[in-house]
């Protein structure tokens, strides 16, 4: 009788643990990126009352007879399946679509989490709700992000100013059509119409100068020329000149093949032109001189920029943190680190949706989102809990009934013991 009572007690304890696990799952149904757990039972040691016997002497073999001594919790297993996505629209909310965990650090050490409900602290560092620093890589002095190096806290430098960059070159693209209808010029005669476009150049202080570049066909024009004569004189070579408020400059010529209108590399300008004090090298290699309907279309754009302050930031699917500045330029500010493990169930929960490495989880493999089997990153989203309430309520009923059944074992054993005690009366 005592053996059955102790079996019942083990059943009560085990099903109480099951209730604890199910209750914790239900309590965390709305916890960001929570991973549910489940209980696996196993029987305990069994007492051998009769050993197995081999067949012999015309008698068949006999099986062992054993009486179990109860049940125990064999394992509490974590379910790391993906939770559903919840759109928040908040730029610092991040979600991993697939394998991996975010890497965070605090005074106690390095931890890992699937909960991407991050925010910025006073210094602009990306942190978890409890103040742990989200890890990643920052760009070096050359603007390159060294993902092979150690991680550090990601930073959004709100007060950072992008320094001005002086222009060094400009590119012109488009088509110069020499078949345009001739126009009259001052003093008489005709010529092919000039083609103009504008672009901005910047000096070392970020001062902007609007420059107009003019392409003038070199076809011979005389005061007595007629429109037909201007058509005949049109050329595959164009003079280039520049003008801005308060100044002008010349810049050589640009020429095209007479057969197919492609750019003639021999006409390439190799000497920079000085535009309002800024030395800029022209590049006409992407232009053509195709003959069509007589309409030319040309555009130009120079490098360089004025001073810019950080206006906004965003995360890419690979975890790249990109800042957008007031001068219209963008710059990579960092890259989120993502860790994978050989055995996620071997990680130890430490609270706050954090996990710690154990001897059975394997060492973290830290790298870039979307690479080497890691999931991609989604910004403005959070991963929801993967708790299945229908399954949890079913498990709740199973745990309750199991607890009741084991309590009846104890009650029945107690009644039998009471009957035994009453035999002496």
Protein backbone atom coordinates (compact mmCIF):
# COMPACT_ATOMS: atom_id res chain seq x y z
CA UNK A 1 0.00 0.00 0.00
CA UNK A 2 2.78 2.40 0.84
CA UNK A 3 4.29 1.81 -2.57
CA UNK A 4 1.09 2.81 -4.34
CA UNK A 5 0.80 5.88 -2.13
CA UNK A 6 4.30 6.98 -3.05
CA UNK A 7 3.48 6.38 -6.73
CA UNK A 8 0.47 8.62 -6.30
CA UNK A 9 2.62 11.27 -4.60
CA UNK A 10 5.08 11.19 -7.53
CA UNK A 11 2.12 11.60 -9.89
CA UNK A 12 0.89 14.62 -7.93
CA UNK A 13 4.32 16.23 -8.04
CA UNK A 14 4.79 15.57 -11.75
CA UNK A 15 1.36 16.84 -12.73
CA UNK A 16 1.86 19.87 -10.49
CA UNK A 17 4.99 20.62 -12.53
CA UNK A 18 2.95 20.18 -15.70
CA UNK A 19 0.39 22.65 -14.33
CA UNK A 20 3.22 25.10 -13.58
CA UNK A 21 4.57 24.85 -17.12
CA UNK A 22 1.14 25.17 -18.76
CA UNK A 23 0.23 28.05 -16.48
CA UNK A 24 3.46 29.84 -17.38
CA UNK A 25 2.76 29.35 -21.09
CA UNK A 26 -0.72 30.82 -20.75
CA UNK A 27 0.58 33.70 -18.63
CA UNK A 28 3.07 34.58 -21.41
CA UNK A 29 0.65 34.32 -24.31
CA UNK A 30 1.23 38.01 -25.11
CA UNK A 31 4.94 38.17 -24.21
CA UNK A 32 7.06 39.32 -27.15
CA UNK A 33 8.86 36.39 -28.81
CA UNK A 34 8.08 34.05 -25.87
CA UNK A 35 8.83 30.39 -26.61
CA UNK A 36 6.45 27.89 -25.03
CA UNK A 37 7.56 24.84 -23.06
CA UNK A 38 6.17 21.35 -22.68
CA UNK A 39 6.62 18.57 -20.11
CA UNK A 40 7.74 15.05 -20.94
CA UNK A 41 7.05 12.36 -18.30
CA UNK A 42 8.93 9.10 -17.72
CA UNK A 43 8.44 6.26 -15.27
CA UNK A 44 10.81 5.92 -12.34
CA UNK A 45 12.65 2.79 -11.22
CA UNK A 46 10.68 -0.44 -11.10
CA UNK A 47 10.96 -3.15 -8.45
CA UNK A 48 11.67 -6.61 -9.85
CA UNK A 49 9.40 -9.20 -8.25
CA UNK A 50 10.25 -12.05 -10.60
CA UNK A 51 13.22 -12.35 -12.92
CA UNK A 52 12.93 -13.50 -16.51
CA UNK A 53 13.46 -17.21 -17.14
CA UNK A 54 14.88 -18.93 -20.22
CA UNK A 55 13.08 -21.87 -21.87
CA UNK A 56 14.42 -25.17 -20.55
CA UNK A 57 13.38 -28.75 -19.88
CA UNK A 58 10.31 -28.54 -22.08
CA UNK A 59 9.07 -25.46 -20.27
CA UNK A 60 8.76 -22.12 -22.02
CA UNK A 61 10.50 -18.98 -20.87
CA UNK A 62 8.95 -16.54 -18.42
CA UNK A 63 8.90 -12.75 -18.55
CA UNK A 64 10.10 -10.57 -15.72
CA UNK A 65 7.51 -9.18 -13.33
CA UNK A 66 8.04 -5.59 -12.18
CA UNK A 67 6.14 -3.07 -10.13
CA UNK A 68 6.68 0.55 -11.02
CA UNK A 69 7.51 3.10 -8.35
CA UNK A 70 5.82 6.13 -9.89
CA UNK A 71 6.44 8.86 -12.46
CA UNK A 72 8.93 11.68 -12.84
CA UNK A 73 9.40 14.71 -15.06
CA UNK A 74 11.84 13.51 -17.69
CA UNK A 75 12.30 16.89 -19.45
CA UNK A 76 10.85 20.36 -19.82
CA UNK A 77 11.38 21.12 -23.48
CA UNK A 78 11.27 24.52 -25.20
CA UNK A 79 9.49 25.04 -28.51
CA UNK A 80 11.55 27.41 -30.69
CA UNK A 81 9.19 27.55 -33.66
CA UNK A 82 8.62 30.95 -35.25
CA UNK A 83 5.95 33.20 -33.75
CA UNK A 84 3.60 35.31 -35.84
CA UNK A 85 4.57 38.83 -36.91
CA UNK A 86 2.97 41.87 -35.32
CA UNK A 87 3.36 45.15 -37.19
CA UNK A 88 4.19 48.13 -34.97
CA UNK A 89 5.58 50.72 -37.37
CA UNK A 90 8.24 51.64 -34.82
CA UNK A 91 11.65 51.89 -36.49
CA UNK A 92 13.53 50.34 -33.55
CA UNK A 93 11.25 47.27 -33.34
CA UNK A 94 13.01 44.36 -35.03
CA UNK A 95 12.00 40.81 -35.84
CA UNK A 96 13.99 37.85 -37.07
CA UNK A 97 12.26 35.90 -39.82
CA UNK A 98 13.92 32.53 -39.42
CA UNK A 99 16.87 31.19 -37.48
CA UNK A 100 18.94 33.24 -35.06
CA UNK A 101 18.87 35.44 -31.97
CA UNK A 102 19.85 39.02 -31.18
CA UNK A 103 23.01 39.50 -29.14
CA UNK A 104 22.83 41.81 -26.11
CA UNK A 105 25.20 42.66 -23.29
CA UNK A 106 24.89 44.04 -19.78
CA UNK A 107 27.01 44.09 -16.65
CA UNK A 108 26.50 40.37 -16.00
CA UNK A 109 27.69 39.29 -19.45
CA UNK A 110 26.41 38.46 -22.94
CA UNK A 111 22.91 37.12 -23.53
CA UNK A 112 20.65 36.26 -26.45
CA UNK A 113 17.03 37.07 -27.22
CA UNK A 114 14.35 36.82 -29.88
CA UNK A 115 12.48 39.83 -28.48
CA UNK A 116 13.27 42.82 -30.68
CA UNK A 117 11.30 45.49 -28.82
CA UNK A 118 14.28 47.83 -28.68
CA UNK A 119 14.54 51.55 -28.06
CA UNK A 120 17.23 54.25 -27.85
CA UNK A 121 18.81 55.50 -24.66
CA UNK A 122 20.04 59.02 -23.90
CA UNK A 123 23.34 58.40 -25.72
CA UNK A 124 21.59 57.04 -28.82
CA UNK A 125 22.49 53.41 -28.12
CA UNK A 126 20.05 50.68 -29.13
CA UNK A 127 18.89 48.95 -25.93
CA UNK A 128 16.38 46.40 -24.66
CA UNK A 129 13.62 47.42 -22.20
CA UNK A 130 15.92 46.49 -19.28
CA UNK A 131 18.82 48.56 -20.64
CA UNK A 132 20.93 45.80 -22.20
CA UNK A 133 22.94 46.96 -25.22
CA UNK A 134 22.07 45.48 -28.60
CA UNK A 135 25.28 44.31 -30.27
CA UNK A 136 26.51 44.76 -33.79
CA UNK A 137 29.30 46.35 -35.76
CA UNK A 138 30.01 50.02 -36.41
CA UNK A 139 31.77 51.41 -39.49
CA UNK A 140 35.48 52.15 -39.28
CA UNK A 141 37.17 55.40 -40.31
CA UNK A 142 36.82 54.41 -43.97
CA UNK A 143 33.08 53.82 -43.62
CA UNK A 144 33.47 50.04 -43.94
CA UNK A 145 31.66 47.78 -41.46
CA UNK A 146 34.13 45.05 -40.31
CA UNK A 147 31.84 42.09 -39.55
CA UNK A 148 34.81 39.87 -38.75
CA UNK A 149 35.76 41.97 -35.73
CA UNK A 150 34.29 42.05 -32.21
CA UNK A 151 30.78 43.38 -31.71
CA UNK A 152 29.90 46.55 -29.84
CA UNK A 153 26.78 48.49 -28.86
CA UNK A 154 24.91 49.86 -31.87
CA UNK A 155 24.63 53.63 -31.89
CA UNK A 156 22.34 56.10 -33.65
CA UNK A 157 24.29 59.38 -33.39
CA UNK A 158 21.43 61.88 -33.41
CA UNK A 159 23.79 64.85 -33.06
CA UNK A 160 26.22 63.67 -35.73
CA UNK A 161 26.91 66.06 -38.61
CA UNK A 162 28.03 64.75 -41.98
CA UNK A 163 30.88 67.07 -43.05
CA UNK A 164 30.79 68.83 -46.39
CA UNK A 165 32.48 67.03 -49.28
CA UNK A 166 33.97 69.05 -52.13
CA UNK A 167 32.97 68.05 -55.67
CA UNK A 168 35.68 66.34 -57.70
CA UNK A 169 33.85 65.18 -60.83
CA UNK A 170 30.56 65.36 -62.64
CA UNK A 171 28.87 62.98 -65.07
CA UNK A 172 26.79 63.99 -68.07
CA UNK A 173 24.41 61.50 -69.65
CA UNK A 174 21.97 61.67 -72.53
CA UNK A 175 21.97 62.23 -76.28
CA UNK A 176 23.10 65.20 -78.36
CA UNK A 177 21.11 65.13 -81.61
CA UNK A 178 22.83 67.22 -84.30
CA UNK A 179 19.77 67.06 -86.56
CA UNK A 180 17.93 69.78 -84.64
CA UNK A 181 16.21 72.51 -86.64
CA UNK A 182 18.63 75.44 -87.19
CA UNK A 183 17.84 78.70 -85.45
CA UNK A 184 18.80 82.26 -86.33
CA UNK A 185 21.66 83.92 -84.50
CA UNK A 186 22.46 87.53 -83.71
CA UNK A 187 24.14 89.27 -86.67
CA UNK A 188 22.50 86.90 -89.15
CA UNK A 189 22.97 83.31 -90.14
CA UNK A 190 21.83 80.05 -88.59
CA UNK A 191 23.19 77.31 -86.36
CA UNK A 192 22.15 74.10 -84.64
CA UNK A 193 20.52 74.98 -81.25
CA UNK A 194 22.69 74.79 -78.15
CA UNK A 195 21.87 72.10 -75.57
CA UNK A 196 22.03 73.03 -71.88
CA UNK A 197 21.60 71.37 -68.50
CA UNK A 198 22.45 72.33 -64.91
CA UNK A 199 24.03 70.71 -61.87
CA UNK A 200 25.36 71.69 -58.46
CA UNK A 201 28.98 71.71 -57.32
CA UNK A 202 30.14 72.09 -53.71
CA UNK A 203 33.32 73.53 -52.25
CA UNK A 204 35.10 72.24 -49.14
CA UNK A 205 32.82 74.30 -46.88
CA UNK A 206 29.68 72.92 -48.47
CA UNK A 207 28.82 76.09 -50.38
CA UNK A 208 26.65 75.25 -53.39
CA UNK A 209 27.10 76.68 -56.88
CA UNK A 210 24.54 76.10 -59.61
CA UNK A 211 26.41 75.56 -62.87
CA UNK A 212 24.94 75.50 -66.37
CA UNK A 213 26.82 73.42 -68.93
CA UNK A 214 26.28 74.29 -72.61
CA UNK A 215 26.96 72.03 -75.57
CA UNK A 216 27.43 74.03 -78.81
CA UNK A 217 27.65 72.26 -82.14
CA UNK A 218 30.85 73.22 -83.97
CA UNK A 219 29.23 73.31 -87.41
CA UNK A 220 30.47 76.39 -89.30
CA UNK A 221 28.12 79.35 -89.10
CA UNK A 222 28.60 82.55 -91.09
CA UNK A 223 26.47 85.67 -91.10
CA UNK A 224 25.33 84.84 -94.62
CA UNK A 225 24.52 81.20 -93.85
CA UNK A 226 21.07 79.87 -94.59
CA UNK A 227 19.14 77.30 -92.62
CA UNK A 228 19.97 74.66 -95.21
CA UNK A 229 23.63 75.61 -95.05
CA UNK A 230 23.56 75.23 -91.25
CA UNK A 231 22.09 71.77 -91.65
CA UNK A 232 24.86 70.83 -94.03
CA UNK A 233 27.53 72.23 -91.71
CA UNK A 234 26.41 70.47 -88.55
CA UNK A 235 29.14 68.47 -86.86
CA UNK A 236 29.70 65.41 -84.65
CA UNK A 237 31.81 67.58 -82.35
CA UNK A 238 30.37 69.86 -79.66
CA UNK A 239 32.10 72.61 -77.71
CA UNK A 240 31.53 72.55 -73.95
CA UNK A 241 31.29 75.68 -71.81
CA UNK A 242 30.13 76.48 -68.29
CA UNK A 243 28.50 79.45 -66.63
CA UNK A 244 27.32 80.36 -63.15
CA UNK A 245 26.31 83.46 -61.32
CA UNK A 246 29.32 85.67 -61.74
CA UNK A 247 31.57 83.49 -63.87
CA UNK A 248 32.19 81.34 -66.93
CA UNK A 249 34.63 78.64 -68.02
CA UNK A 250 35.36 76.54 -71.06
CA UNK A 251 35.87 72.80 -71.02
CA UNK A 252 37.07 71.40 -74.34
CA UNK A 253 34.92 69.35 -76.71
CA UNK A 254 32.94 66.13 -76.81
CA UNK A 255 32.87 64.10 -80.05
CA UNK A 256 30.91 61.14 -81.40
CA UNK A 257 31.34 58.61 -84.17
CA UNK A 258 29.88 59.77 -87.49
CA UNK A 259 28.73 56.23 -88.27
CA UNK A 260 26.92 55.07 -85.13
CA UNK A 261 26.83 58.09 -82.80
CA UNK A 262 28.86 56.45 -80.01
CA UNK A 263 31.12 58.49 -77.78
CA UNK A 264 34.65 59.02 -79.08
CA UNK A 265 37.06 58.23 -76.22
CA UNK A 266 39.74 60.26 -77.94
CA UNK A 267 37.75 63.39 -77.09
CA UNK A 268 37.75 62.61 -73.37
CA UNK A 269 38.55 65.57 -71.14
CA UNK A 270 41.48 64.68 -68.89
CA UNK A 271 42.02 68.07 -67.30
CA UNK A 272 39.67 69.31 -64.57
CA UNK A 273 37.72 72.48 -65.13
CA UNK A 274 37.57 75.08 -62.35
CA UNK A 275 33.99 76.05 -61.58
CA UNK A 276 33.76 78.96 -59.12
CA UNK A 277 36.95 77.81 -57.43
CA UNK A 278 36.08 74.09 -57.41
CA UNK A 279 38.23 71.81 -59.58
CA UNK A 280 35.93 69.26 -61.23
CA UNK A 281 36.77 66.59 -63.82
CA UNK A 282 34.03 66.16 -66.48
CA UNK A 283 32.96 62.69 -67.62
CA UNK A 284 31.07 62.47 -70.92
CA UNK A 285 31.61 58.74 -71.48
CA UNK A 286 27.92 57.87 -71.05
CA UNK A 287 26.74 60.30 -73.74
CA UNK A 288 25.71 59.51 -77.32
CA UNK A 289 25.35 61.52 -80.51
CA UNK A 290 22.54 59.59 -82.16
CA UNK A 291 20.52 61.26 -84.89
CA UNK A 292 16.77 61.03 -84.39
CA UNK A 293 13.93 63.51 -84.22
CA UNK A 294 16.23 66.46 -83.64
CA UNK A 295 15.53 66.67 -79.92
CA UNK A 296 18.46 66.39 -77.51
CA UNK A 297 18.11 65.27 -73.89
CA UNK A 298 21.00 65.70 -71.49
CA UNK A 299 21.36 65.71 -67.70
CA UNK A 300 24.35 66.07 -65.40
CA UNK A 301 25.15 65.45 -61.74
CA UNK A 302 28.26 66.12 -59.66
CA UNK A 303 29.53 64.39 -56.55
CA UNK A 304 30.13 66.22 -53.29
CA UNK A 305 27.64 67.48 -50.76
CA UNK A 306 26.86 70.20 -48.30
CA UNK A 307 26.87 69.71 -44.53
CA UNK A 308 24.11 67.35 -43.36
CA UNK A 309 22.53 66.37 -40.04
CA UNK A 310 20.88 63.05 -39.29
CA UNK A 311 17.15 63.19 -40.08
CA UNK A 312 16.02 59.57 -39.81
CA UNK A 313 17.28 55.99 -39.77
CA UNK A 314 16.09 52.58 -40.88
CA UNK A 315 17.11 48.91 -40.79
CA UNK A 316 17.54 46.74 -43.87
CA UNK A 317 16.70 43.04 -44.14
CA UNK A 318 20.38 42.22 -43.54
CA UNK A 319 20.39 44.30 -40.36
CA UNK A 320 22.17 47.32 -41.85
CA UNK A 321 21.40 50.50 -39.92
CA UNK A 322 21.24 53.35 -42.45
CA UNK A 323 21.00 57.04 -41.61
CA UNK A 324 19.39 59.62 -43.89
CA UNK A 325 20.84 63.14 -43.68
CA UNK A 326 19.46 66.58 -44.41
CA UNK A 327 21.72 66.91 -47.46
CA UNK A 328 19.89 64.00 -49.09
CA UNK A 329 22.71 61.50 -48.60
CA UNK A 330 22.65 58.22 -46.73
CA UNK A 331 25.32 56.56 -44.63
CA UNK A 332 25.61 53.13 -42.99
CA UNK A 333 25.72 53.59 -39.22
CA UNK A 334 26.04 49.95 -38.18
CA UNK A 335 24.99 46.35 -38.66
CA UNK A 336 22.95 44.19 -36.26
CA UNK A 337 24.67 41.00 -35.09
CA UNK A 338 22.69 37.73 -35.19
CA UNK A 339 23.78 34.55 -33.39
CA UNK A 340 22.84 30.98 -34.23
CA UNK A 341 23.27 27.84 -32.10
CA UNK A 342 23.51 24.14 -32.81
CA UNK A 343 21.05 23.41 -29.99
CA UNK A 344 18.63 26.19 -29.07
CA UNK A 345 16.89 23.98 -26.51
CA UNK A 346 20.19 23.83 -24.65
CA UNK A 347 20.00 27.56 -23.87
CA UNK A 348 19.08 28.59 -20.33
CA UNK A 349 16.30 31.10 -19.68
CA UNK A 350 17.51 33.91 -17.43
CA UNK A 351 14.40 36.10 -17.43
CA UNK A 352 13.51 39.20 -19.38
CA UNK A 353 13.13 37.08 -22.56
CA UNK A 354 16.90 36.46 -22.38
CA UNK A 355 18.85 33.26 -22.80
CA UNK A 356 22.35 32.29 -21.68
CA UNK A 357 24.79 29.85 -23.23
CA UNK A 358 25.19 26.44 -21.54
CA UNK A 359 27.56 23.54 -22.09
CA UNK A 360 24.90 21.83 -24.23
CA UNK A 361 23.77 24.75 -26.38
CA UNK A 362 27.00 25.04 -28.31
CA UNK A 363 28.92 28.24 -28.84
CA UNK A 364 27.19 31.11 -30.65
CA UNK A 365 27.95 31.60 -34.33
CA UNK A 366 27.66 35.38 -34.74
CA UNK A 367 27.21 36.90 -38.19
CA UNK A 368 24.98 38.90 -40.52
CA UNK A 369 21.22 38.42 -40.86
CA UNK A 370 20.22 36.58 -44.03
CA UNK A 371 23.63 34.88 -44.39
CA UNK A 372 24.82 31.37 -43.49
CA UNK A 373 21.34 30.14 -42.59
CA UNK A 374 20.40 33.10 -40.39
CA UNK A 375 16.96 34.62 -40.74
CA UNK A 376 16.36 37.97 -42.37
CA UNK A 377 15.49 41.01 -40.32
CA UNK A 378 12.18 42.86 -40.47
CA UNK A 379 11.93 46.41 -39.12
CA UNK A 380 8.76 47.85 -37.63
CA UNK A 381 7.66 44.35 -36.59
CA UNK A 382 7.78 42.18 -33.49
CA UNK A 383 7.63 38.42 -33.12
CA UNK A 384 4.63 37.30 -31.10
CA UNK A 385 4.51 34.45 -28.62
CA UNK A 386 4.26 30.98 -30.16
CA UNK A 387 1.86 29.79 -27.41
CA UNK A 388 -1.08 27.83 -28.86
CA UNK A 389 -3.93 28.53 -26.44
CA UNK A 390 -6.10 25.68 -27.70
CA UNK A 391 -3.28 23.22 -27.02
CA UNK A 392 -2.49 24.80 -23.66
CA UNK A 393 -6.08 24.60 -22.44
CA UNK A 394 -6.16 20.95 -23.49
CA UNK A 395 -2.95 20.34 -21.56
CA UNK A 396 -4.48 22.19 -18.62
CA UNK A 397 -7.37 19.71 -18.56
CA UNK A 398 -4.95 16.77 -18.87
CA UNK A 399 -2.84 18.07 -16.01
CA UNK A 400 -5.91 18.62 -13.82
CA UNK A 401 -7.34 15.16 -14.51
CA UNK A 402 -3.96 13.54 -13.99
CA UNK A 403 -3.61 15.31 -10.66
CA UNK A 404 -7.12 14.21 -9.63
CA UNK A 405 -6.46 10.61 -10.63
CA UNK A 406 -3.24 10.45 -8.63
CA UNK A 407 -4.96 11.98 -5.63
CA UNK A 408 -7.51 9.15 -5.82
CA UNK A 409 -4.65 6.62 -5.68
CA UNK A 410 -3.62 8.13 -2.35
CA UNK A 411 -7.24 8.18 -1.12
CA UNK A 412 -7.85 4.55 -2.12
CA UNK A 413 -4.56 3.41 -0.56
CA UNK A 414 -5.48 5.25 2.62
CA UNK A 415 -8.85 3.48 2.79
CA UNK A 416 -7.21 0.09 2.29
CA UNK A 417 -4.70 0.84 5.07
CA UNK A 418 -7.60 1.89 7.29
CA UNK A 419 -9.27 -1.47 6.64
CA UNK A 420 -6.05 -3.26 7.57
CA UNK A 421 -5.81 -1.32 10.82
CA UNK A 422 -9.41 -2.25 11.66
CA UNK A 423 -8.77 -6.00 11.24
CA UNK A 424 -7.47 -6.32 14.82
CA UNK A 425 -10.71 -5.05 16.30
